[in-house]
């Protein structure tokens, strides 16, 4: 991906998981921690840094939600002299989970003896911090090798492929133009222009989508 006009443009239209690849990744993970990392990336579509910054106490098991700290947002402020400058505009958001993920997280928290104040993916070296982004990348890359999912599209496997695939999954189920706005809210994008970059498909996928829409399989 490259930066253009302050938002990321997807250059690799093949850069998302194919059917069954996320399942293979999940099944190849050998610890509840690694399974939980994959599962949250998979079902929330969140950036890896947002997943790593989750604390155990921010998980609402009864409501099946997680508080997400959305970072790297900026807003333009104008001072008294009329000069404009940008400041960070971090905010909180919610992600919803299914019952399977809830039960997995409960098991993981017990396995790793995590407390409410711990980061969900706390560092084994510095217990007051989560594992690093690089460590998360290494985990996904290692599991990808085990699952024989080394490349996604034209790139080596990367945590952001889960986010792109999530957007594609939702986009394929859209029924009205208003659903683009819903996807924007799910991904916490600052503008629709960013969201629209996720709505690009390869020619093969467009053909399959048209077939599904207009030639549904008979029951």
Foldseek 3Di string as FASTA:
>chain_A
DDDDPRADFDPQQQLADDPPLLVLLLVLDDALLLNLLSVCLQQQLEDSVQLQQFFQLQQDLVQQKGKTWDWPAWDWDADPVRDIDIDIDIDIDMTGDDPVSSVSLVVRCVVVVGDRQFGSQADPVDRNGHDDLVVSQVSSCVSCVSSVNQGGRPGGDGSNSSSLNNLCVQLLVDDDPVSLVVSCRSHVPPDSVNSVSSPRHDPVVVVVSVCCVPVPDDD
